[in-house]
Protein backbone atom coordinates (compact mmCIF):
# COMPACT_ATOMS: atom_id res chain seq x y z
CA MET A 1 -95.03 84.83 54.24
CA LEU A 2 -95.87 87.86 52.06
CA ARG A 3 -93.17 90.45 51.60
CA ARG A 4 -95.56 92.97 53.31
CA ASP A 5 -95.52 90.80 56.49
CA PHE A 6 -91.77 90.14 56.32
CA LEU A 7 -90.94 93.80 56.02
CA TYR A 8 -93.35 94.66 58.80
CA LEU A 9 -91.68 92.26 61.15
CA THR A 10 -88.10 93.21 60.25
CA SER A 11 -88.49 97.01 60.15
CA GLY A 12 -87.95 98.94 63.25
CA ALA A 13 -89.41 102.40 62.99
CA VAL A 14 -92.88 103.62 61.83
CA LEU A 15 -92.94 106.01 58.92
CA SER A 16 -94.68 109.35 59.36
CA SER A 17 -97.61 110.05 57.11
CA GLY A 18 -97.62 112.19 54.12
CA PHE A 19 -96.14 112.66 50.71
CA LEU A 20 -92.59 112.44 49.39
CA GLY A 21 -90.99 115.75 48.58
CA SER A 22 -87.34 115.81 47.64
CA CYS A 23 -84.60 113.34 48.40
CA SER A 24 -82.53 115.78 50.48
CA GLN A 25 -85.42 117.18 52.47
CA HIS A 26 -87.93 114.50 52.90
CA LEU A 27 -86.15 111.31 53.85
CA VAL A 28 -85.82 110.05 57.42
CA ARG A 29 -82.37 108.53 57.73
CA GLN A 30 -81.14 106.23 60.45
CA ASP A 31 -77.42 106.66 59.88
CA ALA A 32 -76.32 103.71 61.94
CA LEU A 33 -78.38 101.33 59.96
CA GLU A 34 -78.12 103.12 56.62
CA ILE A 35 -81.97 102.91 56.28
CA SER A 36 -84.19 105.40 54.52
CA LYS A 37 -87.97 105.68 54.84
CA LEU A 38 -90.54 107.74 52.93
CA GLU A 39 -91.65 110.65 55.02
CA ASN A 40 -94.70 111.31 52.78
CA ILE A 41 -97.06 109.01 50.90
CA GLY A 42 -99.56 110.25 48.27
CA LEU A 43 -102.73 108.73 46.77
CA GLN A 44 -103.97 108.92 43.22
CA LEU A 45 -107.74 109.44 43.76
CA SER A 46 -108.75 107.35 40.73
CA THR A 47 -108.23 104.40 43.14
CA VAL A 48 -111.30 105.57 45.02
CA THR A 49 -113.37 107.01 42.17
CA SER A 50 -116.52 105.06 43.32
CA MET A 51 -116.13 106.57 46.77
CA MET A 52 -115.56 110.07 45.44
CA LEU A 53 -118.73 109.89 43.36
CA LYS A 54 -120.80 109.00 46.42
CA ASP A 55 -119.16 111.28 48.94
CA PHE A 56 -116.49 113.62 47.67
CA GLU A 57 -115.93 115.43 50.88
CA GLY A 58 -116.07 112.34 53.12
CA THR A 59 -113.63 110.45 50.91
CA LEU A 60 -111.03 113.17 51.19
CA ALA A 61 -111.48 113.19 54.97
CA ARG A 62 -111.07 109.40 55.09
CA VAL A 63 -107.94 109.49 52.86
CA ALA A 64 -106.34 111.96 55.38
CA GLU A 65 -107.49 109.85 58.33
CA ILE A 66 -105.71 106.83 56.98
CA GLY A 67 -102.48 108.84 56.89
CA TYR A 68 -102.00 110.14 53.38
CA ASP A 69 -100.70 113.65 53.34
CA GLN A 70 -101.29 114.61 49.72
CA VAL A 71 -103.46 113.47 46.84
CA GLU A 72 -103.46 113.48 43.06
CA PHE A 73 -106.84 114.06 41.42
CA SER A 74 -107.87 111.85 38.52
CA ALA A 75 -108.53 112.88 34.92
CA MET A 76 -112.12 113.39 36.08
CA GLY A 77 -110.82 116.46 37.91
CA PHE A 78 -112.81 117.86 40.81
CA LEU A 79 -116.12 116.13 39.82
CA GLY A 80 -117.86 119.44 39.14
CA ARG A 81 -116.51 121.30 42.11
CA GLU A 82 -114.80 124.67 41.79
CA ALA A 83 -111.05 124.90 42.54
CA ASP A 84 -111.39 127.26 45.50
CA TYR A 85 -113.83 124.94 47.17
CA VAL A 86 -111.50 122.00 46.59
CA GLN A 87 -108.61 123.98 48.04
CA GLN A 88 -110.68 124.68 51.14
CA LEU A 89 -111.39 120.92 51.59
CA LEU A 90 -107.70 120.11 51.16
CA THR A 91 -106.74 122.71 53.69
CA LYS A 92 -109.34 121.48 56.09
CA ASN A 93 -107.93 117.97 55.91
CA ASN A 94 -104.31 118.98 55.85
CA LEU A 95 -103.89 117.52 52.37
CA GLY A 96 -101.87 118.90 49.56
CA ALA A 97 -102.18 118.34 45.74
CA PRO A 98 -98.88 119.38 44.15
CA VAL A 99 -99.34 117.27 40.98
CA GLY A 100 -102.33 117.90 38.66
CA ARG A 101 -103.82 116.05 35.71
CA ILE A 102 -105.05 117.19 32.34
CA THR A 103 -108.83 117.20 32.34
CA PRO A 104 -110.85 117.09 29.07
CA VAL A 105 -113.25 119.88 28.29
CA LEU A 106 -116.60 118.25 29.09
CA PRO A 107 -120.10 119.59 28.70
CA GLU A 108 -122.16 120.73 31.66
CA GLY A 109 -124.19 117.78 33.04
CA PHE A 110 -121.52 115.28 32.01
CA LEU A 111 -121.68 113.60 35.47
CA GLN A 112 -125.39 113.01 35.13
CA LEU A 113 -125.08 111.05 31.84
CA PRO A 114 -125.53 107.26 31.76
CA ARG A 115 -122.16 105.55 32.48
CA ASP A 116 -121.50 104.22 28.98
CA GLU A 117 -122.44 107.48 27.27
CA ALA A 118 -120.21 109.47 29.66
CA TYR A 119 -117.29 107.04 29.02
CA GLN A 120 -117.60 107.33 25.24
CA LEU A 121 -117.75 111.17 25.48
CA PHE A 122 -114.75 111.27 27.80
CA ARG A 123 -112.72 109.16 25.39
CA ALA A 124 -113.80 111.30 22.40
CA ARG A 125 -112.78 114.50 24.14
CA SER A 126 -109.45 112.96 25.19
CA LYS A 127 -108.25 112.37 21.57
CA PRO A 128 -104.83 113.90 20.69
CA GLU A 129 -106.51 116.42 18.52
CA PHE A 130 -107.98 118.03 21.68
CA LEU A 131 -104.81 117.79 23.84
CA LEU A 132 -103.72 121.51 23.62
CA GLU A 133 -107.30 122.65 24.30
CA ASN A 134 -107.47 120.27 27.28
CA VAL A 135 -104.14 121.56 28.59
CA ASN A 136 -105.29 125.14 28.47
CA ASN A 137 -108.44 124.09 30.19
CA SER A 138 -106.40 122.56 33.10
CA ILE A 139 -103.77 125.18 33.64
CA GLY A 140 -106.05 127.54 35.56
CA ASP A 141 -106.95 124.92 38.23
CA ALA A 142 -103.32 123.90 38.45
CA GLU A 143 -102.33 127.45 39.16
CA HIS A 144 -105.13 127.88 41.73
CA LEU A 145 -103.80 124.91 43.64
CA GLY A 146 -100.19 125.90 43.20
CA GLN A 147 -99.31 122.84 41.27
CA LYS A 148 -95.97 122.78 39.42
CA TYR A 149 -96.61 119.47 37.56
CA LEU A 150 -99.49 118.72 35.15
CA ASN A 151 -99.72 115.22 33.71
CA LEU A 152 -101.59 113.71 30.78
CA PRO A 153 -103.12 110.41 31.96
CA ALA A 154 -102.56 108.72 28.52
CA MET A 155 -103.00 108.78 24.79
CA MET A 156 -105.08 105.74 23.87
CA PRO A 157 -103.43 102.67 22.26
CA GLU A 158 -105.07 103.36 18.91
CA TYR A 159 -102.82 106.31 18.50
CA PHE A 160 -99.68 104.20 18.77
CA ALA A 161 -100.38 101.94 15.73
CA THR A 162 -97.86 103.58 13.44
CA MET A 163 -94.64 105.48 13.74
CA ASP A 164 -96.24 108.44 12.06
CA GLN A 165 -98.74 108.57 14.86
CA VAL A 166 -96.02 108.30 17.48
CA LYS A 167 -94.07 111.21 15.85
CA ARG A 168 -97.20 113.25 15.88
CA ASN A 169 -97.80 112.46 19.51
CA ILE A 170 -94.30 113.67 20.31
CA GLU A 171 -94.89 116.97 18.55
CA LEU A 172 -98.01 117.45 20.63
CA LEU A 173 -96.24 116.58 23.91
CA ASN A 174 -93.64 119.25 23.11
CA GLN A 175 -96.29 121.84 22.27
CA ALA A 176 -98.09 120.98 25.53
CA GLY A 177 -94.79 121.44 27.31
CA ASP A 178 -94.35 124.85 25.78
CA LEU A 179 -97.87 125.87 26.99
CA CYS A 180 -97.34 124.67 30.54
CA ALA A 181 -93.82 126.25 30.67
CA GLU A 182 -95.31 129.72 30.09
CA HIS A 183 -97.04 129.30 33.48
CA GLY A 184 -94.07 127.70 35.36
CA ILE A 185 -95.56 124.23 35.12
CA LEU A 186 -93.83 121.04 33.97
CA PHE A 187 -96.05 119.06 31.60
CA GLY A 188 -95.89 115.29 31.94
CA TYR A 189 -96.95 112.05 30.38
CA HIS A 190 -98.23 109.00 32.32
CA ASN A 191 -97.37 105.69 30.68
CA HIS A 192 -99.37 102.54 30.20
CA ASN A 193 -98.07 99.35 28.56
CA TRP A 194 -98.97 100.07 24.94
CA GLU A 195 -96.29 102.72 24.54
CA LEU A 196 -93.74 99.89 25.12
CA ALA A 197 -94.95 97.77 22.17
CA PRO A 198 -92.30 98.09 19.40
CA ILE A 199 -93.15 99.45 16.02
CA ASP A 200 -90.67 98.36 13.30
CA GLY A 201 -88.18 97.59 16.07
CA VAL A 202 -88.57 100.96 17.81
CA VAL A 203 -90.17 101.29 21.25
CA PRO A 204 -92.44 104.38 21.19
CA TYR A 205 -91.87 105.14 24.85
CA ASP A 206 -88.15 105.31 24.33
CA LEU A 207 -88.60 107.67 21.38
CA MET A 208 -90.91 109.84 23.44
CA LEU A 209 -88.32 110.15 26.20
CA GLU A 210 -85.51 110.85 23.64
CA GLN A 211 -87.37 113.43 21.49
CA THR A 212 -89.27 115.56 24.06
CA ASP A 213 -87.62 118.64 25.67
CA PRO A 214 -86.37 117.60 29.17
CA GLY A 215 -86.89 121.09 30.46
CA LYS A 216 -90.54 121.23 29.49
CA VAL A 217 -91.77 117.59 29.36
CA GLY A 218 -91.53 115.11 32.17
CA PHE A 219 -92.91 111.60 32.57
CA GLN A 220 -94.89 110.02 35.39
CA MET A 221 -93.66 106.51 35.78
CA ASP A 222 -96.38 103.92 36.48
CA ALA A 223 -94.54 100.94 37.91
CA TYR A 224 -97.25 98.41 37.11
CA TRP A 225 -97.59 99.38 33.44
CA ILE A 226 -93.87 99.36 32.81
CA VAL A 227 -93.62 95.87 34.07
CA LYS A 228 -96.83 94.81 32.32
CA GLY A 229 -95.43 96.12 29.07
CA GLY A 230 -92.25 94.04 29.44
CA GLY A 231 -90.07 96.99 30.46
CA ASN A 232 -87.54 97.18 33.30
CA LEU A 233 -87.98 99.90 35.91
CA ASP A 234 -84.30 100.11 36.82
CA ASP A 235 -83.38 100.29 33.14
CA TYR A 236 -85.62 103.25 32.43
CA LEU A 237 -84.61 105.10 35.56
CA THR A 238 -80.93 104.56 34.68
CA ARG A 239 -81.18 105.52 30.96
CA PHE A 240 -83.36 108.55 31.44
CA PRO A 241 -82.38 110.23 34.75
CA ASP A 242 -84.29 113.35 35.90
CA ARG A 243 -87.21 112.61 33.50
CA PHE A 244 -89.55 111.12 36.17
CA PRO A 245 -90.44 113.72 38.85
CA SER A 246 -93.37 111.57 39.98
CA CYS A 247 -94.17 107.80 40.21
CA HIS A 248 -97.24 105.66 40.69
CA MET A 249 -96.77 102.91 43.22
CA LYS A 250 -98.91 100.24 41.63
CA ASP A 251 -98.25 96.53 42.13
CA ILE A 252 -98.56 93.54 39.82
CA ASP A 253 -99.30 89.96 40.80
CA THR A 254 -98.04 86.66 39.33
CA LYS A 255 -100.89 86.68 36.78
CA GLY A 256 -100.21 90.22 35.62
CA ASP A 257 -103.23 91.56 37.42
CA PHE A 258 -103.39 94.56 39.84
CA ALA A 259 -102.46 94.09 43.46
CA ASP A 260 -102.29 96.23 46.58
CA VAL A 261 -98.84 97.75 47.04
CA GLY A 262 -96.56 95.14 48.69
CA ASP A 263 -98.77 92.18 47.83
CA GLY A 264 -97.34 91.69 44.31
CA GLU A 265 -94.09 91.16 42.53
CA ILE A 266 -92.54 94.59 42.34
CA ASP A 267 -89.56 95.34 44.62
CA PHE A 268 -90.71 98.65 45.86
CA PRO A 269 -87.72 99.36 48.18
CA ALA A 270 -85.43 98.96 45.25
CA PHE A 271 -87.70 100.98 42.91
CA THR A 272 -88.11 103.83 45.43
CA ARG A 273 -84.35 103.99 46.13
CA LYS A 274 -83.57 104.17 42.45
CA ALA A 275 -86.40 106.56 41.57
CA ILE A 276 -85.24 109.01 44.25
CA ALA A 277 -81.69 108.74 43.01
CA GLN A 278 -82.73 109.82 39.52
CA GLY A 279 -84.77 112.72 40.85
CA ALA A 280 -88.30 111.57 41.67
CA LYS A 281 -90.00 113.77 44.23
CA HIS A 282 -93.52 112.54 44.45
CA PHE A 283 -94.99 109.00 44.91
CA PHE A 284 -98.63 108.06 44.66
CA VAL A 285 -100.39 104.79 45.62
CA GLU A 286 -102.73 103.67 42.81
CA ARG A 287 -104.69 100.59 41.96
CA ASP A 288 -107.03 100.46 38.87
CA ASN A 289 -110.56 99.43 39.74
CA PRO A 290 -109.91 97.75 43.16
CA PRO A 291 -112.66 95.34 44.35
CA ALA A 292 -112.50 97.00 47.78
CA PRO A 293 -111.21 100.61 47.38
CA GLU A 294 -111.04 101.59 51.02
CA GLN A 295 -109.36 98.34 52.08
CA SER A 296 -106.93 98.71 49.21
CA ILE A 297 -105.72 102.15 50.13
CA GLU A 298 -105.55 101.20 53.79
CA ARG A 299 -103.34 98.09 52.90
CA SER A 300 -101.12 100.01 50.46
CA TYR A 301 -100.57 102.78 52.97
CA ALA A 302 -99.78 100.33 55.75
CA TYR A 303 -97.05 98.69 53.64
CA LEU A 304 -95.43 101.91 52.47
CA ASN A 305 -95.65 103.42 56.00
CA GLN A 306 -93.23 100.78 57.29
CA MET A 307 -91.20 100.20 54.16
CA THR A 308 -87.47 100.76 54.36
CA PHE A 309 -85.14 101.20 51.43
């Protein structure tokens, strides 16, 4: 029996839809049983990029219909829509978007380019040398939506080949933190697995956590990529408390591939409990390139909706 099915059969209450706010305000507690449940559940919209490209408005409506209460837009931003129009759609569907993402400065007509050409241009404009420009480009939309968190999706693995590169990355993260702090926004970095590959015995991710300003730079913990990189979720949450205001709920199977939340190897009740204890406020379902996006977000929501921790 899958863990999803076991927890479904053994849990008693149904979780209300939505998105996790704070530990003290947004947990439903059943004191007699000492059980907690997520009151709110969010979705990283990169999971449904193919749907968003075909029907932006309809996809947001479907996400809300499934039960998600808030969303996080991908590094593709609003796919050519203006922030005020996006805010109207969010309001119409009773969705919030409190956590933003850094979006590269891209030329007009970018979305009409052939896929390979668009991908290469996106990667080129996402290089570290453009980070501060991209941060400035993203702050306005973040303010328009009232976002207090603005995360960089990644720096590519080729920029983690030497320790000098890592140190330069850290300098840039701190500078981005300064820019965002001027607007009351916490800048953040979303991990993959390559930041955990040691260089001369030093783990770049650890150095990034140690040498960035905690008051201006946060980190968005992606559960899948920490495990994929050989890291330990509990260890990072223990050693670096209050550094992870948001988390991606992304599962990993026995082969190291992506899985819907609850179908893989990650103990999400334990992860959620520990993450909240160290200060996490926001949790987003995510799966990279799912074969059936709509089914994937339905299944992941269903699991988290009945999960106890």
